């Protein structure tokens, strides 16, 4: 697994925006339910509030937007 994560200060709230990109070397059919959609991700990500598919690039490849609850 190769993952890169970026962060920058938000202009809309006191906190950070994060962007993550990665490649997982496994069978997509085996892992897709843990990446999208609900409900499996809620088992390990209790802060997640929403998930949207922004763009479908190819069969089995898409750009997704996740929203998580902030922690103070």
PDB file of N, CA and C in Angstrom:
ATOM      1  N   UNK A   1       0.847  -1.179   0.000  1.00  0.00           N
ATOM      2  CA  UNK A   1       0.000   0.000   0.000  1.00  0.00           C
ATOM      3  C   UNK A   1       0.885   1.232   0.000  1.00  0.00           C
ATOM      4  N   UNK A   2       0.597   2.165  -0.878  1.00  0.00           N
ATOM      5  CA  UNK A   2       1.339   3.417  -0.986  1.00  0.00           C
ATOM      6  C   UNK A   2       0.333   4.548  -0.836  1.00  0.00           C
ATOM      7  N   UNK A   3       0.498   5.380   0.192  1.00  0.00           N
ATOM      8  CA  UNK A   3      -0.475   6.434   0.487  1.00  0.00           C
ATOM      9  C   UNK A   3       0.243   7.762   0.685  1.00  0.00           C
ATOM     10  N   UNK A   4      -0.345   8.836   0.148  1.00  0.00           N
ATOM     11  CA  UNK A   4       0.142  10.199   0.380  1.00  0.00           C
ATOM     12  C   UNK A   4      -1.001  10.999   0.985  1.00  0.00           C
ATOM     13  N   UNK A   5      -0.678  11.834   1.978  1.00  0.00           N
ATOM     14  CA  UNK A   5      -1.685  12.659   2.647  1.00  0.00           C
ATOM     15  C   UNK A   5      -1.183  14.097   2.677  1.00  0.00           C
ATOM     16  N   UNK A   6      -2.062  15.033   2.324  1.00  0.00           N
ATOM     17  CA  UNK A   6      -1.766  16.458   2.377  1.00  0.00           C
ATOM     18  C   UNK A   6      -2.740  17.126   3.336  1.00  0.00           C
ATOM     19  N   UNK A   7      -2.341  18.274   3.889  1.00  0.00           N
ATOM     20  CA  UNK A   7      -3.270  19.053   4.699  1.00  0.00           C
ATOM     21  C   UNK A   7      -2.985  20.533   4.496  1.00  0.00           C
ATOM     22  N   UNK A   8      -4.041  21.342   4.662  1.00  0.00           N
ATOM     23  CA  UNK A   8      -3.898  22.795   4.618  1.00  0.00           C
ATOM     24  C   UNK A   8      -4.938  23.392   5.551  1.00  0.00           C
ATOM     25  N   UNK A   9      -4.671  24.596   6.011  1.00  0.00           N
ATOM     26  CA  UNK A   9      -5.612  25.284   6.892  1.00  0.00           C
ATOM     27  C   UNK A   9      -6.877  25.626   6.126  1.00  0.00           C
ATOM     28  N   UNK A  10      -8.009  25.467   6.783  1.00  0.00           N
ATOM     29  CA  UNK A  10      -9.288  25.798   6.167  1.00  0.00           C
ATOM     30  C   UNK A  10      -9.508  27.302   6.200  1.00  0.00           C
ATOM     31  N   UNK A  11     -10.105  27.818   5.148  1.00  0.00           N
ATOM     32  CA  UNK A  11     -10.504  29.223   5.114  1.00  0.00           C
ATOM     33  C   UNK A  11     -11.917  29.399   5.643  1.00  0.00           C
ATOM     34  N   UNK A  12     -12.630  28.291   5.907  1.00  0.00           N
ATOM     35  CA  UNK A  12     -14.026  28.344   6.337  1.00  0.00           C
ATOM     36  C   UNK A  12     -14.231  28.021   7.812  1.00  0.00           C
ATOM     37  N   UNK A  13     -13.297  27.329   8.443  1.00  0.00           N
ATOM     38  CA  UNK A  13     -13.441  26.955   9.849  1.00  0.00           C
ATOM     39  C   UNK A  13     -12.060  26.819  10.467  1.00  0.00           C
ATOM     40  N   UNK A  14     -12.024  26.780  11.796  1.00  0.00           N
ATOM     41  CA  UNK A  14     -10.766  26.636  12.516  1.00  0.00           C
ATOM     42  C   UNK A  14     -10.356  25.164  12.493  1.00  0.00           C
ATOM     43  N   UNK A  15      -9.501  24.812  11.587  1.00  0.00           N
ATOM     44  CA  UNK A  15      -9.070  23.425  11.449  1.00  0.00           C
ATOM     45  C   UNK A  15      -8.383  23.217  10.111  1.00  0.00           C
ATOM     46  N   UNK A  16      -8.277  21.983   9.710  1.00  0.00           N
ATOM     47  CA  UNK A  16      -7.542  21.628   8.502  1.00  0.00           C
ATOM     48  C   UNK A  16      -8.410  20.843   7.521  1.00  0.00           C
ATOM     49  N   UNK A  17      -8.059  20.960   6.253  1.00  0.00           N
ATOM     50  CA  UNK A  17      -8.601  20.119   5.194  1.00  0.00           C
ATOM     51  C   UNK A  17      -7.525  19.085   4.871  1.00  0.00           C
ATOM     52  N   UNK A  18      -7.920  17.842   4.705  1.00  0.00           N
ATOM     53  CA  UNK A  18      -6.980  16.778   4.384  1.00  0.00           C
ATOM     54  C   UNK A  18      -7.332  16.161   3.038  1.00  0.00           C
ATOM     55  N   UNK A  19      -6.308  15.791   2.304  1.00  0.00           N
ATOM     56  CA  UNK A  19      -6.477  15.091   1.033  1.00  0.00           C
ATOM     57  C   UNK A  19      -5.580  13.856   1.094  1.00  0.00           C
ATOM     58  N   UNK A  20      -6.135  12.711   0.748  1.00  0.00           N
ATOM     59  CA  UNK A  20      -5.362  11.471   0.757  1.00  0.00           C
ATOM     60  C   UNK A  20      -5.514  10.766  -0.581  1.00  0.00           C
ATOM     61  N   UNK A  21      -4.432  10.169  -1.026  1.00  0.00           N
ATOM     62  CA  UNK A  21      -4.432   9.422  -2.279  1.00  0.00           C
ATOM     63  C   UNK A  21      -3.599   8.172  -2.061  1.00  0.00           C
ATOM     64  N   UNK A  22      -4.079   7.051  -2.553  1.00  0.00           N
ATOM     65  CA  UNK A  22      -3.303   5.843  -2.343  1.00  0.00           C
ATOM     66  C   UNK A  22      -3.652   4.731  -3.304  1.00  0.00           C
ATOM     67  N   UNK A  23      -2.787   3.764  -3.339  1.00  0.00           N
ATOM     68  CA  UNK A  23      -2.979   2.560  -4.142  1.00  0.00           C
ATOM     69  C   UNK A  23      -2.935   1.368  -3.195  1.00  0.00           C
ATOM     70  N   UNK A  24      -3.898   0.477  -3.333  1.00  0.00           N
ATOM     71  CA  UNK A  24      -3.943  -0.741  -2.530  1.00  0.00           C
ATOM     72  C   UNK A  24      -3.772  -1.919  -3.478  1.00  0.00           C
ATOM     73  N   UNK A  25      -2.735  -2.709  -3.257  1.00  0.00           N
ATOM     74  CA  UNK A  25      -2.437  -3.848  -4.120  1.00  0.00           C
ATOM     75  C   UNK A  25      -3.222  -5.062  -3.635  1.00  0.00           C
ATOM     76  N   UNK A  26      -4.468  -5.152  -4.082  1.00  0.00           N
ATOM     77  CA  UNK A  26      -5.337  -6.255  -3.690  1.00  0.00           C
ATOM     78  C   UNK A  26      -6.457  -6.361  -4.717  1.00  0.00           C
ATOM     79  N   UNK A  27      -7.251  -7.382  -4.607  1.00  0.00           N
ATOM     80  CA  UNK A  27      -8.397  -7.577  -5.478  1.00  0.00           C
ATOM     81  C   UNK A  27      -9.461  -6.536  -5.126  1.00  0.00           C
ATOM     82  N   UNK A  28      -9.837  -5.647  -6.060  1.00  0.00           N
ATOM     83  CA  UNK A  28     -10.829  -4.605  -5.759  1.00  0.00           C
ATOM     84  C   UNK A  28     -12.142  -5.153  -5.216  1.00  0.00           C
ATOM     85  N   UNK A  29     -12.579  -6.302  -5.713  1.00  0.00           N
ATOM     86  CA  UNK A  29     -13.834  -6.872  -5.230  1.00  0.00           C
ATOM     87  C   UNK A  29     -13.759  -7.275  -3.758  1.00  0.00           C
ATOM     88  N   UNK A  30     -12.554  -7.532  -3.264  1.00  0.00           N
ATOM     89  CA  UNK A  30     -12.388  -7.932  -1.872  1.00  0.00           C
ATOM     90  C   UNK A  30     -12.392  -6.741  -0.920  1.00  0.00           C
ATOM     91  N   UNK A  31     -11.915  -5.587  -1.377  1.00  0.00           N
ATOM     92  CA  UNK A  31     -11.759  -4.446  -0.468  1.00  0.00           C
ATOM     93  C   UNK A  31     -12.765  -3.320  -0.672  1.00  0.00           C
ATOM     94  N   UNK A  32     -13.499  -3.323  -1.778  1.00  0.00           N
ATOM     95  CA  UNK A  32     -14.350  -2.177  -2.104  1.00  0.00           C
ATOM     96  C   UNK A  32     -15.397  -1.900  -1.031  1.00  0.00           C
ATOM     97  N   UNK A  33     -15.946  -2.914  -0.394  1.00  0.00           N
ATOM     98  CA  UNK A  33     -16.967  -2.685   0.629  1.00  0.00           C
ATOM     99  C   UNK A  33     -16.413  -2.000   1.868  1.00  0.00           C
ATOM    100  N   UNK A  34     -15.091  -2.041   2.061  1.00  0.00           N
ATOM    101  CA  UNK A  34     -14.488  -1.365   3.205  1.00  0.00           C
ATOM    102  C   UNK A  34     -14.099   0.068   2.866  1.00  0.00           C
ATOM    103  N   UNK A  35     -14.139   0.415   1.595  1.00  0.00           N
ATOM    104  CA  UNK A  35     -13.839   1.777   1.158  1.00  0.00           C
ATOM    105  C   UNK A  35     -15.123   2.527   0.842  1.00  0.00           C
ATOM    106  N   UNK A  36     -16.025   1.873   0.128  1.00  0.00           N
ATOM    107  CA  UNK A  36     -17.335   2.428  -0.167  1.00  0.00           C
ATOM    108  C   UNK A  36     -18.299   1.300  -0.403  1.00  0.00           C
ATOM    109  N   UNK A  37     -19.536   1.368  -0.311  1.00  0.00           N
ATOM    110  CA  UNK A  37     -20.281   2.424   0.353  1.00  0.00           C
ATOM    111  C   UNK A  37     -20.506   2.065   1.822  1.00  0.00           C
ATOM    112  N   UNK A  38     -21.462   2.737   2.410  1.00  0.00           N
ATOM    113  CA  UNK A  38     -21.901   2.399   3.754  1.00  0.00           C
ATOM    114  C   UNK A  38     -22.349   0.943   3.768  1.00  0.00           C
ATOM    115  N   UNK A  39     -22.495   0.256   4.817  1.00  0.00           N
ATOM    116  CA  UNK A  39     -22.297   0.617   6.223  1.00  0.00           C
ATOM    117  C   UNK A  39     -20.945   0.195   6.770  1.00  0.00           C
ATOM    118  N   UNK A  40     -20.134  -0.552   5.980  1.00  0.00           N
ATOM    119  CA  UNK A  40     -18.897  -1.106   6.526  1.00  0.00           C
ATOM    120  C   UNK A  40     -17.936  -0.050   7.052  1.00  0.00           C
ATOM    121  N   UNK A  41     -17.837   1.070   6.356  1.00  0.00           N
ATOM    122  CA  UNK A  41     -16.890   2.092   6.794  1.00  0.00           C
ATOM    123  C   UNK A  41     -17.255   2.651   8.162  1.00  0.00           C
ATOM    124  N   UNK A  42     -18.532   2.670   8.486  1.00  0.00           N
ATOM    125  CA  UNK A  42     -18.945   3.154   9.806  1.00  0.00           C
ATOM    126  C   UNK A  42     -18.410   2.271  10.928  1.00  0.00           C
ATOM    127  N   UNK A  43     -18.078   1.021  10.625  1.00  0.00           N
ATOM    128  CA  UNK A  43     -17.522   0.124  11.640  1.00  0.00           C
ATOM    129  C   UNK A  43     -16.155   0.586  12.128  1.00  0.00           C
ATOM    130  N   UNK A  44     -15.384   1.251  11.271  1.00  0.00           N
ATOM    131  CA  UNK A  44     -14.046   1.654  11.686  1.00  0.00           C
ATOM    132  C   UNK A  44     -13.817   3.163  11.632  1.00  0.00           C
ATOM    133  N   UNK A  45     -14.794   3.934  11.180  1.00  0.00           N
ATOM    134  CA  UNK A  45     -14.641   5.391  11.092  1.00  0.00           C
ATOM    135  C   UNK A  45     -15.849   6.062  11.729  1.00  0.00           C
ATOM    136  N   UNK A  46     -15.831   6.182  13.049  1.00  0.00           N
ATOM    137  CA  UNK A  46     -16.988   6.718  13.776  1.00  0.00           C
ATOM    138  C   UNK A  46     -17.194   8.215  13.555  1.00  0.00           C
ATOM    139  N   UNK A  47     -16.212   8.920  13.001  1.00  0.00           N
ATOM    140  CA  UNK A  47     -16.351  10.359  12.765  1.00  0.00           C
ATOM    141  C   UNK A  47     -16.953  10.688  11.397  1.00  0.00           C
ATOM    142  N   UNK A  48     -17.104   9.699  10.521  1.00  0.00           N
ATOM    143  CA  UNK A  48     -17.627   9.969   9.182  1.00  0.00           C
ATOM    144  C   UNK A  48     -19.089  10.408   9.236  1.00  0.00           C
ATOM    145  N   UNK A  49     -19.396  11.491   8.517  1.00  0.00           N
ATOM    146  CA  UNK A  49     -20.767  11.996   8.476  1.00  0.00           C
ATOM    147  C   UNK A  49     -21.396  11.868   7.093  1.00  0.00           C
ATOM    148  N   UNK A  50     -20.586  11.863   6.023  1.00  0.00           N
ATOM    149  CA  UNK A  50     -21.139  11.696   4.680  1.00  0.00           C
ATOM    150  C   UNK A  50     -20.061  11.227   3.710  1.00  0.00           C
ATOM    151  N   UNK A  51     -20.514  10.659   2.595  1.00  0.00           N
ATOM    152  CA  UNK A  51     -19.634  10.204   1.541  1.00  0.00           C
ATOM    153  C   UNK A  51     -20.350  10.414   0.217  1.00  0.00           C
ATOM    154  N   UNK A  52     -19.695  11.098  -0.718  1.00  0.00           N
ATOM    155  CA  UNK A  52     -20.281  11.352  -2.030  1.00  0.00           C
ATOM    156  C   UNK A  52     -19.301  10.940  -3.116  1.00  0.00           C
ATOM    157  N   UNK A  53     -19.815  10.349  -4.186  1.00  0.00           N
ATOM    158  CA  UNK A  53     -18.997  10.083  -5.362  1.00  0.00           C
ATOM    159  C   UNK A  53     -19.065  11.334  -6.232  1.00  0.00           C
ATOM    160  N   UNK A  54     -17.937  12.002  -6.386  1.00  0.00           N
ATOM    161  CA  UNK A  54     -17.853  13.264  -7.128  1.00  0.00           C
ATOM    162  C   UNK A  54     -17.778  13.002  -8.632  1.00  0.00           C
ATOM    163  N   UNK A  55     -16.989  11.994  -9.009  1.00  0.00           N
ATOM    164  CA  UNK A  55     -16.783  11.715 -10.431  1.00  0.00           C
ATOM    165  C   UNK A  55     -16.424  10.240 -10.613  1.00  0.00           C
ATOM    166  N   UNK A  56     -17.010   9.597 -11.611  1.00  0.00           N
ATOM    167  CA  UNK A  56     -16.642   8.232 -11.964  1.00  0.00           C
ATOM    168  C   UNK A  56     -15.679   8.311 -13.139  1.00  0.00           C
ATOM    169  N   UNK A  57     -14.452   7.835 -12.939  1.00  0.00           N
ATOM    170  CA  UNK A  57     -13.411   7.958 -13.953  1.00  0.00           C
ATOM    171  C   UNK A  57     -13.376   6.761 -14.899  1.00  0.00           C
ATOM    172  N   UNK A  58     -13.636   5.592 -14.366  1.00  0.00           N
ATOM    173  CA  UNK A  58     -13.519   4.350 -15.116  1.00  0.00           C
ATOM    174  C   UNK A  58     -14.264   3.289 -14.321  1.00  0.00           C
ATOM    175  N   UNK A  59     -14.449   2.132 -14.893  1.00  0.00           N
ATOM    176  CA  UNK A  59     -15.096   1.061 -14.143  1.00  0.00           C
ATOM    177  C   UNK A  59     -14.228   0.723 -12.928  1.00  0.00           C
ATOM    178  N   UNK A  60     -14.792   0.858 -11.749  1.00  0.00           N
ATOM    179  CA  UNK A  60     -14.067   0.565 -10.517  1.00  0.00           C
ATOM    180  C   UNK A  60     -13.150   1.672 -10.055  1.00  0.00           C
ATOM    181  N   UNK A  61     -13.232   2.857 -10.656  1.00  0.00           N
ATOM    182  CA  UNK A  61     -12.364   3.970 -10.278  1.00  0.00           C
ATOM    183  C   UNK A  61     -13.192   5.241 -10.186  1.00  0.00           C
ATOM    184  N   UNK A  62     -13.135   5.919  -9.042  1.00  0.00           N
ATOM    185  CA  UNK A  62     -13.918   7.139  -8.881  1.00  0.00           C
ATOM    186  C   UNK A  62     -13.229   8.088  -7.909  1.00  0.00           C
ATOM    187  N   UNK A  63     -13.679   9.330  -7.921  1.00  0.00           N
ATOM    188  CA  UNK A  63     -13.231  10.347  -6.969  1.00  0.00           C
ATOM    189  C   UNK A  63     -14.338  10.494  -5.941  1.00  0.00           C
ATOM    190  N   UNK A  64     -13.967  10.382  -4.657  1.00  0.00           N
ATOM    191  CA  UNK A  64     -14.960  10.429  -3.590  1.00  0.00           C
ATOM    192  C   UNK A  64     -14.647  11.558  -2.621  1.00  0.00           C
ATOM    193  N   UNK A  65     -15.701  12.102  -2.015  1.00  0.00           N
ATOM    194  CA  UNK A  65     -15.564  13.160  -1.011  1.00  0.00           C
ATOM    195  C   UNK A  65     -16.145  12.633   0.297  1.00  0.00           C
ATOM    196  N   UNK A  66     -15.322  12.620   1.330  1.00  0.00           N
ATOM    197  CA  UNK A  66     -15.747  12.192   2.656  1.00  0.00           C
ATOM    198  C   UNK A  66     -15.819  13.403   3.571  1.00  0.00           C
ATOM    199  N   UNK A  67     -16.840  13.463   4.392  1.00  0.00           N
ATOM    200  CA  UNK A  67     -16.950  14.505   5.415  1.00  0.00           C
ATOM    201  C   UNK A  67     -16.904  13.813   6.769  1.00  0.00           C
ATOM    202  N   UNK A  68     -16.138  14.393   7.675  1.00  0.00           N
ATOM    203  CA  UNK A  68     -16.052  13.834   9.018  1.00  0.00           C
ATOM    204  C   UNK A  68     -16.384  14.898  10.046  1.00  0.00           C
ATOM    205  N   UNK A  69     -16.859  14.455  11.181  1.00  0.00           N
ATOM    206  CA  UNK A  69     -17.163  15.364  12.282  1.00  0.00           C
ATOM    207  C   UNK A  69     -15.851  15.877  12.864  1.00  0.00           C
ATOM    208  N   UNK A  70     -15.812  17.155  13.181  1.00  0.00           N
ATOM    209  CA  UNK A  70     -14.618  17.732  13.782  1.00  0.00           C
ATOM    210  C   UNK A  70     -14.485  17.335  15.236  1.00  0.00           C
ATOM    211  N   UNK A  71     -13.264  17.325  15.715  1.00  0.00           N
ATOM    212  CA  UNK A  71     -13.007  17.065  17.123  1.00  0.00           C
ATOM    213  C   UNK A  71     -12.420  18.323  17.730  1.00  0.00           C
ATOM    214  N   UNK A  72     -12.988  18.761  18.826  1.00  0.00           N
ATOM    215  CA  UNK A  72     -12.475  19.951  19.506  1.00  0.00           C
ATOM    216  C   UNK A  72     -11.704  19.558  20.732  1.00  0.00           C
TER     217      UNK A  72
END
